[in-house]
Amino acid sequence: MKKIAVFCSGQGTNLQAILDAIRKKRVKATLALVVSDRKRAFALNRAERAGVETIVLRPRDYPSRRRYEQRLLTLLKSRRIEAIVLAGFMRILSPTFIRAYRNRILNIHPALLPSFRGMNAVQDALAYGVRVTGVTVHLVDDGVDAGPIVLQEPVQVRPHDTEHSLHERIRRVEHRLYPQAITLLLEQKLRVEGRKVKIVR
């Protein structure tokens, strides 16, 4: 069974969805490692309860970004990690790191990319007044929220939505969509052609 690592910085709700999907055998993989850049990330508690190895690596504990990412890569290779899933990881990975796992790093974003990139996607969508936003799962490349799109699903914006209420509905879609994308990646059903990702059934 293929081994994956999840990188988290916060609450870990998508991590929990992945753990649940693996337990229910909707994702046929071993979650071998959860990495966080924050000691107090609640995601670590979720992983520990599930019996998954956790490691905290803080960039400030390393003399350079290069040394930090070298340590990350060493850990991943020692555990034979085949794919990386970013689940609320608040660090931008360097092109050197990304090349080491080319087309094997997934990220999820609470908007229909390329609209509303960045950390405040839900708030920005509300402020802009869109009637539809959504969820995007994409492969990670050198840009920020810019990699080839694997899956997308729209979410309607209701007239009286707050950031909290809209984000809650978006999360429900995320928790369903992310395991699907992970399965497609692990089963080698994704063919990347430039900016386009073809799903091979």
C-alpha atoms as a PDB file:
ATOM      1  CA  MET A   1       0.000   0.000   0.000  1.00  0.00           C
ATOM      2  CA  LYS A   2       1.326   3.437  -0.934  1.00  0.00           C
ATOM      3  CA  LYS A   3       2.520   5.764   1.800  1.00  0.00           C
ATOM      4  CA  ILE A   4       1.493   9.404   2.009  1.00  0.00           C
ATOM      5  CA  ALA A   5       2.416  12.316   4.258  1.00  0.00           C
ATOM      6  CA  VAL A   6       0.107  15.169   5.228  1.00  0.00           C
ATOM      7  CA  PHE A   7       1.463  18.632   6.016  1.00  0.00           C
ATOM      8  CA  CYS A   8      -0.687  20.753   8.376  1.00  0.00           C
ATOM      9  CA  SER A   9      -0.456  24.009  10.303  1.00  0.00           C
ATOM     10  CA  GLY A  10      -3.845  24.317  12.002  1.00  0.00           C
ATOM     11  CA  GLN A  11      -7.010  22.501  13.026  1.00  0.00           C
ATOM     12  CA  GLY A  12      -6.615  19.616  10.607  1.00  0.00           C
ATOM     13  CA  THR A  13     -10.229  19.186   9.482  1.00  0.00           C
ATOM     14  CA  ASN A  14      -9.078  17.952   6.061  1.00  0.00           C
ATOM     15  CA  LEU A  15      -6.579  15.695   7.793  1.00  0.00           C
ATOM     16  CA  GLN A  16      -9.475  14.185   9.730  1.00  0.00           C
ATOM     17  CA  ALA A  17     -11.407  13.650   6.504  1.00  0.00           C
ATOM     18  CA  ILE A  18      -8.378  11.841   5.071  1.00  0.00           C
ATOM     19  CA  LEU A  19      -7.982   9.709   8.205  1.00  0.00           C
ATOM     20  CA  ASP A  20     -11.671   8.786   8.043  1.00  0.00           C
ATOM     21  CA  ALA A  21     -11.474   7.947   4.336  1.00  0.00           C
ATOM     22  CA  ILE A  22      -8.465   5.674   4.921  1.00  0.00           C
ATOM     23  CA  ARG A  23     -10.195   3.965   7.850  1.00  0.00           C
ATOM     24  CA  LYS A  24     -13.281   3.341   5.707  1.00  0.00           C
ATOM     25  CA  LYS A  25     -11.018   2.143   2.850  1.00  0.00           C
ATOM     26  CA  ARG A  26     -12.235   4.835   0.487  1.00  0.00           C
ATOM     27  CA  VAL A  27      -8.582   5.823   0.167  1.00  0.00           C
ATOM     28  CA  LYS A  28      -6.273   2.834  -0.141  1.00  0.00           C
ATOM     29  CA  ALA A  29      -3.113   4.255   1.352  1.00  0.00           C
ATOM     30  CA  THR A  30      -1.074   4.345   4.526  1.00  0.00           C
ATOM     31  CA  LEU A  31      -0.838   7.741   6.193  1.00  0.00           C
ATOM     32  CA  ALA A  32       2.722   7.294   7.381  1.00  0.00           C
ATOM     33  CA  LEU A  33       3.556  10.792   8.599  1.00  0.00           C
ATOM     34  CA  VAL A  34       1.946  14.074   9.609  1.00  0.00           C
ATOM     35  CA  VAL A  35       4.247  17.096   9.534  1.00  0.00           C
ATOM     36  CA  SER A  36       3.467  20.457  11.119  1.00  0.00           C
ATOM     37  CA  ASP A  37       5.378  23.713  11.393  1.00  0.00           C
ATOM     38  CA  ARG A  38       3.495  24.580  14.600  1.00  0.00           C
ATOM     39  CA  LYS A  39       3.760  22.762  17.920  1.00  0.00           C
ATOM     40  CA  ARG A  40       0.211  23.632  18.963  1.00  0.00           C
ATOM     41  CA  ALA A  41      -1.520  22.661  15.729  1.00  0.00           C
ATOM     42  CA  PHE A  42      -4.606  20.636  16.662  1.00  0.00           C
ATOM     43  CA  ALA A  43      -3.949  18.508  13.582  1.00  0.00           C
ATOM     44  CA  LEU A  44      -1.180  16.818  15.586  1.00  0.00           C
ATOM     45  CA  ASN A  45      -3.721  15.661  18.187  1.00  0.00           C
ATOM     46  CA  ARG A  46      -5.895  14.162  15.455  1.00  0.00           C
ATOM     47  CA  ALA A  47      -2.939  12.266  14.001  1.00  0.00           C
ATOM     48  CA  GLU A  48      -1.711  11.021  17.378  1.00  0.00           C
ATOM     49  CA  ARG A  49      -5.186   9.730  18.269  1.00  0.00           C
ATOM     50  CA  ALA A  50      -5.155   7.767  15.022  1.00  0.00           C
ATOM     51  CA  GLY A  51      -1.740   6.290  15.785  1.00  0.00           C
ATOM     52  CA  VAL A  52       0.040   8.207  13.021  1.00  0.00           C
ATOM     53  CA  GLU A  53       3.613   9.398  13.485  1.00  0.00           C
ATOM     54  CA  THR A  54       3.865  13.181  13.884  1.00  0.00           C
ATOM     55  CA  ILE A  55       6.817  15.501  13.522  1.00  0.00           C
ATOM     56  CA  VAL A  56       7.049  19.232  14.214  1.00  0.00           C
ATOM     57  CA  LEU A  57       9.591  21.048  12.071  1.00  0.00           C
ATOM     58  CA  ARG A  58       9.720  24.801  12.563  1.00  0.00           C
ATOM     59  CA  PRO A  59      11.584  26.819   9.918  1.00  0.00           C
ATOM     60  CA  ARG A  60      12.953  29.167  12.580  1.00  0.00           C
ATOM     61  CA  ASP A  61      14.890  26.245  14.068  1.00  0.00           C
ATOM     62  CA  TYR A  62      16.979  25.958  10.887  1.00  0.00           C
ATOM     63  CA  PRO A  63      19.612  28.357   9.561  1.00  0.00           C
ATOM     64  CA  SER A  64      18.020  28.556   6.114  1.00  0.00           C
ATOM     65  CA  ARG A  65      15.009  27.505   4.120  1.00  0.00           C
ATOM     66  CA  ARG A  66      17.240  25.159   2.165  1.00  0.00           C
ATOM     67  CA  ARG A  67      18.357  23.333   5.316  1.00  0.00           C
ATOM     68  CA  TYR A  68      14.763  23.156   6.541  1.00  0.00           C
ATOM     69  CA  GLU A  69      13.550  21.573   3.328  1.00  0.00           C
ATOM     70  CA  GLN A  70      16.536  19.230   3.190  1.00  0.00           C
ATOM     71  CA  ARG A  71      15.482  17.910   6.592  1.00  0.00           C
ATOM     72  CA  LEU A  72      11.912  17.498   5.331  1.00  0.00           C
ATOM     73  CA  LEU A  73      13.068  15.570   2.274  1.00  0.00           C
ATOM     74  CA  THR A  74      15.306  13.339   4.376  1.00  0.00           C
ATOM     75  CA  LEU A  75      12.362  12.442   6.603  1.00  0.00           C
ATOM     76  CA  LEU A  76      10.098  11.755   3.654  1.00  0.00           C
ATOM     77  CA  LYS A  77      12.630   9.563   1.879  1.00  0.00           C
ATOM     78  CA  SER A  78      13.476   7.606   5.031  1.00  0.00           C
ATOM     79  CA  ARG A  79       9.791   6.697   5.355  1.00  0.00           C
ATOM     80  CA  ARG A  80       9.382   6.009   1.636  1.00  0.00           C
ATOM     81  CA  ILE A  81       6.683   8.623   1.189  1.00  0.00           C
ATOM     82  CA  GLU A  82       5.250   8.516  -2.332  1.00  0.00           C
ATOM     83  CA  ALA A  83       2.914  11.528  -2.237  1.00  0.00           C
ATOM     84  CA  ILE A  84       2.403  14.651  -0.139  1.00  0.00           C
ATOM     85  CA  VAL A  85      -0.962  16.157   0.758  1.00  0.00           C
ATOM     86  CA  LEU A  86      -1.067  19.761   1.952  1.00  0.00           C
ATOM     87  CA  ALA A  87      -3.941  20.329   4.363  1.00  0.00           C
ATOM     88  CA  GLY A  88      -3.795  23.879   5.642  1.00  0.00           C
ATOM     89  CA  PHE A  89       0.016  24.038   5.541  1.00  0.00           C
ATOM     90  CA  MET A  90       0.943  27.700   5.832  1.00  0.00           C
ATOM     91  CA  ARG A  91       4.345  27.492   4.154  1.00  0.00           C
ATOM     92  CA  ILE A  92       5.275  27.977   0.517  1.00  0.00           C
ATOM     93  CA  LEU A  93       7.478  25.154  -0.705  1.00  0.00           C
ATOM     94  CA  SER A  94      10.499  25.996  -2.838  1.00  0.00           C
ATOM     95  CA  PRO A  95      10.868  24.933  -6.483  1.00  0.00           C
ATOM     96  CA  THR A  96      13.692  22.604  -5.406  1.00  0.00           C
ATOM     97  CA  PHE A  97      11.430  20.784  -2.945  1.00  0.00           C
ATOM     98  CA  ILE A  98       8.574  20.616  -5.438  1.00  0.00           C
ATOM     99  CA  ARG A  99      10.837  19.110  -8.107  1.00  0.00           C
ATOM    100  CA  ALA A 100      11.698  16.272  -5.730  1.00  0.00           C
ATOM    101  CA  TYR A 101       7.986  15.328  -5.687  1.00  0.00           C
ATOM    102  CA  ARG A 102       6.981  16.606  -9.102  1.00  0.00           C
ATOM    103  CA  ASN A 103       3.247  16.089  -9.719  1.00  0.00           C
ATOM    104  CA  ARG A 104       2.983  14.193  -6.424  1.00  0.00           C
ATOM    105  CA  ILE A 105       1.993  17.092  -4.143  1.00  0.00           C
ATOM    106  CA  LEU A 106      -1.686  17.991  -3.769  1.00  0.00           C
ATOM    107  CA  ASN A 107      -3.195  21.126  -2.275  1.00  0.00           C
ATOM    108  CA  ILE A 108      -6.785  22.141  -1.612  1.00  0.00           C
ATOM    109  CA  HIS A 109      -8.126  25.687  -1.855  1.00  0.00           C
ATOM    110  CA  PRO A 110     -11.513  27.122  -0.752  1.00  0.00           C
ATOM    111  CA  ALA A 111     -12.349  28.872  -4.031  1.00  0.00           C
ATOM    112  CA  LEU A 112     -12.647  28.152  -7.725  1.00  0.00           C
ATOM    113  CA  LEU A 113      -9.115  28.903  -8.856  1.00  0.00           C
ATOM    114  CA  PRO A 114      -7.791  30.994 -10.465  1.00  0.00           C
ATOM    115  CA  SER A 115     -10.213  33.260  -8.594  1.00  0.00           C
ATOM    116  CA  PHE A 116      -9.420  34.335  -5.018  1.00  0.00           C
ATOM    117  CA  ARG A 117      -5.961  32.954  -4.487  1.00  0.00           C
ATOM    118  CA  GLY A 118      -4.231  33.320  -1.145  1.00  0.00           C
ATOM    119  CA  MET A 119      -5.151  32.893   2.502  1.00  0.00           C
ATOM    120  CA  ASN A 120      -8.432  34.867   2.601  1.00  0.00           C
ATOM    121  CA  ALA A 121     -10.293  33.205  -0.248  1.00  0.00           C
ATOM    122  CA  VAL A 122     -13.673  32.873   1.493  1.00  0.00           C
ATOM    123  CA  GLN A 123     -13.613  36.427   2.827  1.00  0.00           C
ATOM    124  CA  ASP A 124     -12.489  37.749  -0.562  1.00  0.00           C
ATOM    125  CA  ALA A 125     -15.281  35.910  -2.385  1.00  0.00           C
ATOM    126  CA  LEU A 126     -17.897  37.401  -0.064  1.00  0.00           C
ATOM    127  CA  ALA A 127     -16.421  40.885  -0.362  1.00  0.00           C
ATOM    128  CA  TYR A 128     -16.426  40.625  -4.163  1.00  0.00           C
ATOM    129  CA  GLY A 129     -20.091  39.646  -4.179  1.00  0.00           C
ATOM    130  CA  VAL A 130     -19.840  36.453  -6.215  1.00  0.00           C
ATOM    131  CA  ARG A 131     -22.857  34.176  -6.259  1.00  0.00           C
ATOM    132  CA  VAL A 132     -20.813  31.022  -6.709  1.00  0.00           C
ATOM    133  CA  THR A 133     -17.495  30.052  -5.186  1.00  0.00           C
ATOM    134  CA  GLY A 134     -16.238  26.544  -4.469  1.00  0.00           C
ATOM    135  CA  VAL A 135     -13.357  24.167  -3.910  1.00  0.00           C
ATOM    136  CA  THR A 136     -10.292  23.376  -6.000  1.00  0.00           C
ATOM    137  CA  VAL A 137      -7.839  20.514  -5.596  1.00  0.00           C
ATOM    138  CA  HIS A 138      -4.673  21.118  -7.576  1.00  0.00           C
ATOM    139  CA  LEU A 139      -1.166  19.857  -8.044  1.00  0.00           C
ATOM    140  CA  VAL A 140       1.480  22.087  -6.519  1.00  0.00           C
ATOM    141  CA  ASP A 141       3.886  23.950  -8.767  1.00  0.00           C
ATOM    142  CA  ASP A 142       6.202  26.937  -8.305  1.00  0.00           C
ATOM    143  CA  GLY A 143       3.334  29.432  -8.054  1.00  0.00           C
ATOM    144  CA  VAL A 144       0.961  30.172  -5.169  1.00  0.00           C
ATOM    145  CA  ASP A 145      -2.366  28.356  -5.707  1.00  0.00           C
ATOM    146  CA  ALA A 146      -1.377  28.130  -9.350  1.00  0.00           C
ATOM    147  CA  GLY A 147      -0.792  24.453 -10.163  1.00  0.00           C
ATOM    148  CA  PRO A 148      -2.774  22.329 -12.638  1.00  0.00           C
ATOM    149  CA  ILE A 149      -6.325  21.686 -11.457  1.00  0.00           C
ATOM    150  CA  VAL A 150      -7.335  18.133 -10.565  1.00  0.00           C
ATOM    151  CA  LEU A 151     -10.907  18.583  -9.293  1.00  0.00           C
ATOM    152  CA  GLN A 152     -13.284  21.500  -8.747  1.00  0.00           C
ATOM    153  CA  GLU A 153     -16.779  21.783  -7.355  1.00  0.00           C
ATOM    154  CA  PRO A 154     -18.967  24.898  -7.022  1.00  0.00           C
ATOM    155  CA  VAL A 155     -20.620  26.090  -3.813  1.00  0.00           C
ATOM    156  CA  GLN A 156     -23.503  28.552  -3.944  1.00  0.00           C
ATOM    157  CA  VAL A 157     -23.158  31.772  -1.956  1.00  0.00           C
ATOM    158  CA  ARG A 158     -26.399  32.491  -0.109  1.00  0.00           C
ATOM    159  CA  PRO A 159     -27.693  36.066   0.396  1.00  0.00           C
ATOM    160  CA  HIS A 160     -27.149  36.070   4.154  1.00  0.00           C
ATOM    161  CA  ASP A 161     -23.911  34.089   4.269  1.00  0.00           C
ATOM    162  CA  THR A 162     -21.223  35.061   6.720  1.00  0.00           C
ATOM    163  CA  GLU A 163     -17.622  34.011   6.311  1.00  0.00           C
ATOM    164  CA  HIS A 164     -18.246  31.283   8.896  1.00  0.00           C
ATOM    165  CA  SER A 165     -21.431  29.874   7.332  1.00  0.00           C
ATOM    166  CA  LEU A 166     -19.950  29.850   3.824  1.00  0.00           C
ATOM    167  CA  HIS A 167     -16.705  28.304   5.019  1.00  0.00           C
ATOM    168  CA  GLU A 168     -18.606  25.513   6.770  1.00  0.00           C
ATOM    169  CA  ARG A 169     -20.375  24.531   3.527  1.00  0.00           C
ATOM    170  CA  ILE A 170     -17.108  24.759   1.601  1.00  0.00           C
ATOM    171  CA  ARG A 171     -15.421  22.477   4.147  1.00  0.00           C
ATOM    172  CA  ARG A 172     -18.069  19.798   3.649  1.00  0.00           C
ATOM    173  CA  VAL A 173     -17.213  19.748  -0.047  1.00  0.00           C
ATOM    174  CA  GLU A 174     -13.472  19.751   0.722  1.00  0.00           C
ATOM    175  CA  HIS A 175     -13.826  16.725   2.977  1.00  0.00           C
ATOM    176  CA  ARG A 176     -15.529  14.776   0.199  1.00  0.00           C
ATOM    177  CA  LEU A 177     -13.423  16.003  -2.723  1.00  0.00           C
ATOM    178  CA  TYR A 178      -9.934  15.670  -1.250  1.00  0.00           C
ATOM    179  CA  PRO A 179     -10.044  11.887  -0.678  1.00  0.00           C
ATOM    180  CA  GLN A 180     -11.242  11.483  -4.275  1.00  0.00           C
ATOM    181  CA  ALA A 181      -8.278  13.461  -5.590  1.00  0.00           C
ATOM    182  CA  ILE A 182      -5.826  11.531  -3.412  1.00  0.00           C
ATOM    183  CA  THR A 183      -7.157   8.260  -4.799  1.00  0.00           C
ATOM    184  CA  LEU A 184      -6.807   9.487  -8.375  1.00  0.00           C
ATOM    185  CA  LEU A 185      -3.204  10.496  -7.709  1.00  0.00           C
ATOM    186  CA  LEU A 186      -2.239   7.259  -5.964  1.00  0.00           C
ATOM    187  CA  GLU A 187      -3.900   5.112  -8.609  1.00  0.00           C
ATOM    188  CA  GLN A 188      -1.939   7.002 -11.279  1.00  0.00           C
ATOM    189  CA  LYS A 189      -5.096   8.162 -13.013  1.00  0.00           C
ATOM    190  CA  LEU A 190      -3.868  11.729 -13.512  1.00  0.00           C
ATOM    191  CA  ARG A 191      -2.123  12.719 -16.743  1.00  0.00           C
ATOM    192  CA  VAL A 192      -0.614  16.193 -16.689  1.00  0.00           C
ATOM    193  CA  GLU A 193      -0.388  17.914 -20.063  1.00  0.00           C
ATOM    194  CA  GLY A 194       0.777  21.487 -19.603  1.00  0.00           C
ATOM    195  CA  ARG A 195      -1.825  23.207 -17.467  1.00  0.00           C
ATOM    196  CA  LYS A 196      -4.416  20.511 -18.016  1.00  0.00           C
ATOM    197  CA  VAL A 197      -4.922  17.368 -15.964  1.00  0.00           C
ATOM    198  CA  LYS A 198      -6.693  14.487 -17.660  1.00  0.00           C
ATOM    199  CA  ILE A 199      -8.366  11.856 -15.505  1.00  0.00           C
ATOM    200  CA  VAL A 200      -7.816   8.390 -16.957  1.00  0.00           C
ATOM    201  CA  ARG A 201     -10.599   6.010 -15.912  1.00  0.00           C
END
